[in-house]
Amino acid sequence: MENQFTETNFNEITCRTICGQLTEWGIDFSQSRVAQLAPAQIESLQSWINAGVEADEAYQAEFASLPDFMERELLEMKGELASGSREIIIEQAINACEAEVPITDNPYLFDTTGWHLWRQAYCCWYHCEPMNFLEAETVQDPSSVNEVTNQAITQQLSELITQFNEADDSLKQLRLKLKQTKQERHSSRKQLMKFLNQNCRMMQAAVTITKPEAQARHNPKSEPSATINIIRIPVTGPETNRIEVYLQQTIEGTWRAGHFWSVESSSLAGQISRGSRQPEQRQTTFPTDQAALINETLVLSRKLSHDSKIRSQIIDYLNLLEEYPGQLDLCSDCHQHCLSEELDHSGNCPQCSTD
């Protein structure tokens, strides 16, 4: 059986691992949110986690701050800041160490200042080290501290205003792109439905394809001709684009699958990418037609990996199959999957019934 482990599976495992480690630290950063991060952000987050694990194991006082993109987002979600004084935070850290509370139970996770102060006091007390950082703070002149604090706040406000203006401009651009994308999607959908209405009505829900008589004479032990169910995978692009999965049941009751595709691989050069494989050419069988369909869809996604848009639409179709197991049925006209409860008494989907 072909190896079905794809890059998508690897990314899911990575996101699940990162989410699980963050959950152990009390950070509610869902797996779906991790998956939305850029590759560079995921790498930065993984490096921060690795450094944190090593620091926890050795009870190191110094620990890098949260990555900027995480800290901003978590503060927006939680809004939890240290409300107590420095003395209260230090006292809490010492009490936690004496009570053998795990170092990962830091209550000031979403406040960088509180986080580091609590951790520094905890680790110094754990290693029986002097808290020199307290003396350094005591020596400082309060007026100079206030002045530095005011300057820092002013600078932060200036940076926040700049970031806000940039974010507002980006938001306007994104809204414009979203509007354009919706218009393109609506246009593509109309073209796709027009193509399906023109071509799919000439096909029955099940098309009987018999093996050539010459093949039967050459191999008298071959299986008798069986019904092949044709299932269309909807894709955008020119009306000539077509991707189909063939399902055939063997005499043992198992299922084999094949496929056919013909898509425009280059709109400028007019190149067409085609390929096909009949179910009879496959030795692998599956216990159910659903399993055969899912496996063949994975095969198609790999074969059409050169076209990222088509491959993305095939993956979306695969996700639809896995989201509603046992609840999907085929429209007798357009051969596309719909929820069983949406089909009318003639077996047509809402779109075909309207037409």
Protein backbone atom coordinates (compact mmCIF):
# COMPACT_ATOMS: atom_id res chain seq x y z
CA MET A 1 0.00 0.00 0.00
CA GLU A 2 1.29 3.44 -0.92
CA ASN A 3 2.74 5.63 1.80
CA GLN A 4 0.02 8.06 2.84
CA PHE A 5 2.19 10.20 5.22
CA THR A 6 2.20 13.69 3.72
CA GLU A 7 3.63 17.07 4.56
CA THR A 8 0.17 17.99 5.88
CA ASN A 9 0.41 15.19 8.48
CA PHE A 10 3.89 16.41 9.54
CA ASN A 11 2.63 19.98 10.00
CA GLU A 12 -0.32 18.74 12.07
CA ILE A 13 2.02 16.75 14.35
CA THR A 14 4.30 19.80 14.80
CA CYS A 15 1.37 22.08 15.67
CA ARG A 16 -0.11 19.50 18.05
CA THR A 17 3.27 19.10 19.82
CA ILE A 18 3.73 22.85 20.24
CA CYS A 19 0.14 23.29 21.48
CA GLY A 20 0.58 20.46 24.00
CA GLN A 21 3.77 21.96 25.46
CA LEU A 22 2.17 25.39 25.76
CA THR A 23 -0.84 23.83 27.51
CA GLU A 24 1.50 22.32 30.15
CA TRP A 25 2.64 25.86 30.91
CA GLY A 26 -0.95 27.09 31.12
CA ILE A 27 -0.81 28.93 27.79
CA ASP A 28 -4.10 28.67 25.87
CA PHE A 29 -2.73 28.86 22.31
CA SER A 30 -4.91 26.46 20.27
CA GLN A 31 -3.57 24.07 17.62
CA SER A 32 -5.54 25.83 14.90
CA ARG A 33 -3.95 29.18 15.89
CA VAL A 34 -0.47 27.64 15.82
CA ALA A 35 -1.20 26.33 12.32
CA GLN A 36 -1.93 29.90 11.15
CA LEU A 37 1.54 31.13 12.12
CA ALA A 38 4.19 31.76 9.49
CA PRO A 39 7.02 29.17 9.26
CA ALA A 40 9.46 31.68 10.79
CA GLN A 41 7.08 32.31 13.71
CA ILE A 42 6.63 28.57 14.30
CA GLU A 43 10.42 28.13 14.32
CA SER A 44 10.80 31.04 16.78
CA LEU A 45 8.08 29.59 19.02
CA GLN A 46 9.68 26.13 18.96
CA SER A 47 13.08 27.60 19.89
CA TRP A 48 11.49 29.50 22.80
CA ILE A 49 9.81 26.30 24.04
CA ASN A 50 13.08 24.33 23.84
CA ALA A 51 14.92 27.03 25.79
CA GLY A 52 12.12 27.13 28.36
CA VAL A 53 12.18 23.37 28.90
CA GLU A 54 15.94 23.42 29.48
CA ALA A 55 15.62 26.40 31.85
CA ASP A 56 12.87 24.65 33.84
CA GLU A 57 14.90 21.46 34.20
CA ALA A 58 17.88 23.39 35.59
CA TYR A 59 15.82 25.98 37.56
CA GLN A 60 17.54 28.82 35.70
CA ALA A 61 16.47 32.30 36.72
CA GLU A 62 17.15 33.79 33.29
CA PHE A 63 14.53 32.90 30.71
CA ALA A 64 13.86 34.68 27.42
CA SER A 65 10.65 36.67 27.08
CA LEU A 66 7.72 35.38 25.06
CA PRO A 67 8.06 36.00 21.29
CA ASP A 68 6.62 39.43 20.50
CA PHE A 69 3.76 38.12 18.35
CA MET A 70 2.69 35.73 21.14
CA GLU A 71 2.95 38.26 23.94
CA ARG A 72 0.80 40.82 22.10
CA GLU A 73 -1.87 38.28 21.22
CA LEU A 74 -2.03 36.68 24.66
CA LEU A 75 -2.33 40.08 26.33
CA GLU A 76 -5.22 40.89 23.99
CA MET A 77 -6.93 37.61 24.87
CA LYS A 78 -6.28 37.60 28.62
CA GLY A 79 -5.41 41.14 29.65
CA GLU A 80 -3.86 39.79 32.87
CA LEU A 81 -1.18 42.05 34.36
CA ALA A 82 0.62 41.93 37.69
CA SER A 83 -1.48 44.03 40.10
CA GLY A 84 0.66 43.56 43.21
CA SER A 85 3.87 45.28 44.26
CA ARG A 86 7.36 43.85 43.75
CA GLU A 87 7.47 42.70 47.35
CA ILE A 88 4.20 40.76 46.96
CA ILE A 89 5.41 39.05 43.76
CA ILE A 90 8.72 38.06 45.41
CA GLU A 91 6.91 36.78 48.51
CA GLN A 92 4.59 34.69 46.33
CA ALA A 93 7.58 33.18 44.50
CA ILE A 94 9.34 32.26 47.78
CA ASN A 95 6.15 30.72 49.17
CA ALA A 96 5.67 28.72 45.96
CA CYS A 97 9.24 27.41 46.16
CA GLU A 98 8.82 26.45 49.83
CA ALA A 99 5.55 24.64 49.00
CA GLU A 100 7.35 22.79 46.13
CA VAL A 101 4.97 24.23 43.57
CA PRO A 102 6.29 23.49 40.05
CA ILE A 103 8.25 26.32 38.52
CA THR A 104 5.93 26.20 35.49
CA ASP A 105 3.01 27.42 37.65
CA ASN A 106 4.09 31.03 37.23
CA PRO A 107 0.93 33.14 37.75
CA TYR A 108 2.28 36.14 35.79
CA LEU A 109 2.69 34.46 32.42
CA PHE A 110 1.07 37.27 30.44
CA ASP A 111 3.06 40.04 32.15
CA THR A 112 6.71 40.01 31.09
CA THR A 113 7.90 42.06 34.10
CA GLY A 114 5.98 40.00 36.66
CA TRP A 115 7.00 36.76 34.95
CA HIS A 116 10.75 37.45 35.20
CA LEU A 117 10.62 38.86 38.75
CA TRP A 118 8.65 35.85 40.07
CA ARG A 119 10.95 33.39 38.29
CA GLN A 120 14.15 35.14 39.42
CA ALA A 121 13.05 35.12 43.07
CA TYR A 122 11.89 31.49 42.84
CA CYS A 123 15.16 30.21 41.33
CA CYS A 124 17.41 32.22 43.67
CA TRP A 125 15.55 30.90 46.69
CA TYR A 126 15.65 27.35 45.28
CA HIS A 127 19.46 27.49 44.84
CA CYS A 128 19.95 29.35 48.19
CA GLU A 129 21.52 32.27 46.33
CA PRO A 130 21.46 35.92 47.49
CA MET A 131 18.89 38.12 45.84
CA ASN A 132 21.31 40.78 44.63
CA PHE A 133 18.82 42.12 42.16
CA LEU A 134 16.74 43.44 45.09
CA GLU A 135 19.67 45.52 46.42
CA ALA A 136 20.35 46.96 42.99
CA GLU A 137 16.75 48.11 42.77
CA THR A 138 16.90 49.66 46.27
CA VAL A 139 20.00 51.75 45.48
CA GLN A 140 18.38 53.44 42.50
CA ASP A 141 17.05 56.96 42.93
CA PRO A 142 13.22 56.93 42.77
CA SER A 143 13.12 60.16 40.77
CA SER A 144 15.49 58.77 38.15
CA VAL A 145 13.47 55.58 37.99
CA ASN A 146 10.27 57.57 37.40
CA GLU A 147 11.97 59.62 34.70
CA VAL A 148 13.20 56.52 32.91
CA THR A 149 9.76 54.96 33.25
CA ASN A 150 8.06 58.04 31.77
CA GLN A 151 10.48 58.07 28.85
CA ALA A 152 9.86 54.38 28.23
CA ILE A 153 6.08 54.88 28.36
CA THR A 154 6.30 57.82 25.94
CA GLN A 155 8.39 55.79 23.53
CA GLN A 156 6.02 52.85 23.77
CA LEU A 157 3.03 55.10 23.10
CA SER A 158 4.77 56.55 20.04
CA GLU A 159 5.52 53.06 18.75
CA LEU A 160 1.96 51.93 19.43
CA ILE A 161 0.53 54.88 17.48
CA THR A 162 2.80 54.05 14.54
CA GLN A 163 1.83 50.39 14.70
CA PHE A 164 -1.85 51.32 14.93
CA ASN A 165 -1.63 53.48 11.80
CA GLU A 166 0.19 50.73 9.93
CA ALA A 167 -2.36 48.16 11.08
CA ASP A 168 -5.22 50.43 9.98
CA ASP A 169 -3.70 50.76 6.50
CA SER A 170 -3.14 47.01 6.30
CA LEU A 171 -6.73 46.39 7.38
CA LYS A 172 -8.04 48.60 4.60
CA GLN A 173 -5.92 46.75 2.05
CA LEU A 174 -7.08 43.38 3.38
CA ARG A 175 -10.71 44.44 3.17
CA LEU A 176 -10.20 45.47 -0.46
CA LYS A 177 -8.50 42.14 -1.25
CA LEU A 178 -11.29 40.26 0.51
CA LYS A 179 -13.90 42.03 -1.59
CA GLN A 180 -11.99 41.23 -4.79
CA THR A 181 -11.54 37.60 -3.73
CA LYS A 182 -15.26 37.21 -3.05
CA GLN A 183 -16.06 38.62 -6.48
CA GLU A 184 -13.60 36.24 -8.17
CA ARG A 185 -14.96 33.32 -6.16
CA HIS A 186 -18.54 34.17 -7.16
CA SER A 187 -17.53 34.41 -10.82
CA SER A 188 -15.63 31.11 -10.68
CA ARG A 189 -18.55 29.41 -8.98
CA LYS A 190 -20.93 30.56 -11.71
CA GLN A 191 -18.58 29.26 -14.41
CA LEU A 192 -18.18 25.94 -12.60
CA MET A 193 -21.94 25.45 -12.19
CA LYS A 194 -22.50 26.32 -15.83
CA PHE A 195 -19.95 23.72 -16.88
CA LEU A 196 -21.44 21.06 -14.58
CA ASN A 197 -24.97 21.73 -15.82
CA GLN A 198 -23.85 21.41 -19.46
CA ASN A 199 -21.85 18.22 -19.08
CA CYS A 200 -22.95 16.23 -16.04
CA ARG A 201 -26.54 15.77 -17.21
CA MET A 202 -25.29 13.56 -20.02
CA MET A 203 -23.96 11.07 -17.47
CA GLN A 204 -25.87 8.68 -15.22
CA ALA A 205 -25.04 8.20 -11.55
CA ALA A 206 -23.34 4.91 -12.44
CA VAL A 207 -21.64 4.26 -15.77
CA THR A 208 -21.04 0.64 -16.72
CA ILE A 209 -17.64 0.15 -18.29
CA THR A 210 -16.97 -3.35 -19.60
CA LYS A 211 -13.54 -4.75 -20.19
CA PRO A 212 -12.58 -5.36 -23.84
CA GLU A 213 -13.46 -8.82 -25.14
CA ALA A 214 -9.86 -9.34 -26.19
CA GLN A 215 -8.75 -8.96 -22.57
CA ALA A 216 -11.37 -11.46 -21.44
CA ARG A 217 -10.16 -14.03 -24.02
CA HIS A 218 -6.53 -13.42 -23.07
CA ASN A 219 -7.25 -13.88 -19.36
CA PRO A 220 -10.28 -16.18 -18.95
CA LYS A 221 -9.96 -15.99 -15.14
CA SER A 222 -10.39 -12.23 -15.10
CA GLU A 223 -13.27 -10.76 -13.11
CA PRO A 224 -16.54 -10.04 -14.92
CA SER A 225 -17.29 -6.44 -15.84
CA ALA A 226 -18.41 -4.43 -12.84
CA THR A 227 -20.11 -1.10 -12.37
CA ILE A 228 -17.80 1.87 -11.98
CA ASN A 229 -19.08 4.83 -10.00
CA ILE A 230 -17.75 8.15 -11.23
CA ILE A 231 -17.36 10.93 -8.65
CA ARG A 232 -16.39 14.43 -9.72
CA ILE A 233 -14.16 16.65 -7.61
CA PRO A 234 -15.13 20.31 -8.22
CA VAL A 235 -12.26 22.59 -9.22
CA THR A 236 -12.16 26.12 -10.58
CA GLY A 237 -10.51 27.35 -13.74
CA PRO A 238 -11.55 26.82 -17.38
CA GLU A 239 -14.70 24.83 -18.11
CA THR A 240 -12.49 22.09 -19.58
CA ASN A 241 -10.91 21.32 -16.19
CA ARG A 242 -12.09 17.92 -14.98
CA ILE A 243 -11.00 15.70 -12.07
CA GLU A 244 -12.78 12.38 -11.40
CA VAL A 245 -12.42 9.39 -9.08
CA TYR A 246 -13.55 5.92 -10.25
CA LEU A 247 -14.82 3.40 -7.69
CA GLN A 248 -15.36 -0.28 -8.55
CA GLN A 249 -16.49 -3.13 -6.29
CA THR A 250 -14.77 -6.49 -6.69
CA ILE A 251 -16.46 -9.88 -6.58
CA GLU A 252 -15.12 -10.29 -3.03
CA GLY A 253 -17.03 -7.19 -1.92
CA THR A 254 -13.97 -4.95 -1.52
CA TRP A 255 -13.34 -1.74 -3.45
CA ARG A 256 -10.73 -0.52 -5.89
CA ALA A 257 -10.24 3.02 -7.13
CA GLY A 258 -8.91 4.81 -10.19
CA HIS A 259 -8.85 8.38 -11.40
CA PHE A 260 -8.78 10.76 -14.36
CA TRP A 261 -7.72 14.38 -14.55
CA SER A 262 -7.42 16.98 -17.27
CA VAL A 263 -6.54 20.47 -16.07
CA GLU A 264 -4.98 23.53 -17.62
CA SER A 265 -1.49 23.70 -16.11
CA SER A 266 -0.48 26.97 -17.82
CA SER A 267 -3.05 29.54 -18.94
CA LEU A 268 -0.38 31.52 -20.86
CA ALA A 269 1.05 28.60 -22.83
CA GLY A 270 -2.23 26.71 -22.98
CA GLN A 271 -0.63 23.53 -21.64
CA ILE A 272 -2.94 20.77 -20.46
CA SER A 273 -1.98 18.26 -17.75
CA ARG A 274 -3.69 14.89 -18.08
CA GLY A 275 -3.48 11.51 -16.43
CA SER A 276 -5.61 8.49 -15.65
CA ARG A 277 -5.58 5.02 -14.09
CA GLN A 278 -8.42 2.50 -14.29
CA PRO A 279 -9.46 0.58 -11.15
CA GLU A 280 -8.50 -2.69 -12.87
CA GLN A 281 -4.89 -1.49 -12.91
CA ARG A 282 -4.79 -1.28 -9.11
CA GLN A 283 -3.90 -4.30 -6.97
CA THR A 284 -4.72 -2.55 -3.69
CA THR A 285 -8.28 -2.95 -2.40
CA PHE A 286 -10.18 -1.30 0.44
CA PRO A 287 -12.94 -2.59 2.74
CA THR A 288 -15.31 0.34 1.95
CA ASP A 289 -15.92 2.71 -0.93
CA GLN A 290 -15.29 5.66 1.44
CA ALA A 291 -11.78 4.40 2.27
CA ALA A 292 -11.02 3.87 -1.43
CA LEU A 293 -12.27 7.38 -2.27
CA ILE A 294 -10.19 9.04 0.45
CA ASN A 295 -7.02 7.17 -0.56
CA GLU A 296 -7.46 8.00 -4.26
CA THR A 297 -8.07 11.66 -3.43
CA LEU A 298 -4.76 11.69 -1.53
CA VAL A 299 -3.06 10.16 -4.60
CA LEU A 300 -4.51 12.90 -6.81
CA SER A 301 -3.34 15.65 -4.41
CA ARG A 302 0.22 14.33 -4.71
CA LYS A 303 0.11 13.93 -8.50
CA LEU A 304 -1.20 17.50 -8.96
CA SER A 305 1.21 19.07 -6.46
CA HIS A 306 2.68 21.25 -9.24
CA ASP A 307 -0.57 23.23 -9.32
CA SER A 308 -0.99 24.67 -5.80
CA LYS A 309 -4.50 26.03 -6.45
CA ILE A 310 -5.89 22.74 -7.78
CA ARG A 311 -4.10 20.79 -5.01
CA SER A 312 -5.63 23.09 -2.36
CA GLN A 313 -9.13 22.47 -3.76
CA ILE A 314 -8.56 18.70 -3.70
CA ILE A 315 -7.45 18.93 -0.04
CA ASP A 316 -10.62 20.95 0.73
CA TYR A 317 -12.70 18.19 -0.86
CA LEU A 318 -10.85 15.58 1.23
CA ASN A 319 -11.58 17.56 4.40
CA LEU A 320 -15.27 17.59 3.44
CA LEU A 321 -15.28 13.79 3.19
CA GLU A 322 -13.67 13.41 6.62
CA GLU A 323 -15.91 16.02 8.27
CA TYR A 324 -19.21 14.23 7.44
CA PRO A 325 -18.45 10.47 7.48
CA GLY A 326 -21.51 8.41 6.57
CA GLN A 327 -23.65 11.51 5.97
CA LEU A 328 -22.73 12.22 2.32
CA ASP A 329 -24.47 11.03 -0.83
CA LEU A 330 -24.05 11.65 -4.56
CA CYS A 331 -26.33 13.86 -6.62
CA SER A 332 -27.79 11.81 -9.48
CA ASP A 333 -27.19 14.70 -11.92
CA CYS A 334 -23.91 16.48 -11.15
CA HIS A 335 -22.16 13.56 -9.35
CA GLN A 336 -21.00 15.77 -6.48
CA HIS A 337 -21.24 14.96 -2.79
CA CYS A 338 -24.02 16.55 -0.75
CA LEU A 339 -25.42 15.90 2.70
CA SER A 340 -27.99 13.11 2.41
CA GLU A 341 -30.68 15.22 4.07
CA GLU A 342 -30.30 17.89 1.35
CA LEU A 343 -31.18 15.55 -1.56
CA ASP A 344 -34.79 15.52 -2.78
CA HIS A 345 -36.87 12.40 -3.53
CA SER A 346 -35.28 12.14 -7.00
CA GLY A 347 -31.76 12.12 -5.54
CA ASN A 348 -30.90 15.63 -6.81
CA CYS A 349 -29.02 18.30 -4.88
CA PRO A 350 -30.67 21.73 -4.30
CA GLN A 351 -28.79 23.29 -7.23
CA CYS A 352 -29.84 20.61 -9.72
CA SER A 353 -33.42 20.62 -8.39
CA THR A 354 -33.63 24.39 -8.99
CA ASP A 355 -32.23 24.09 -12.52
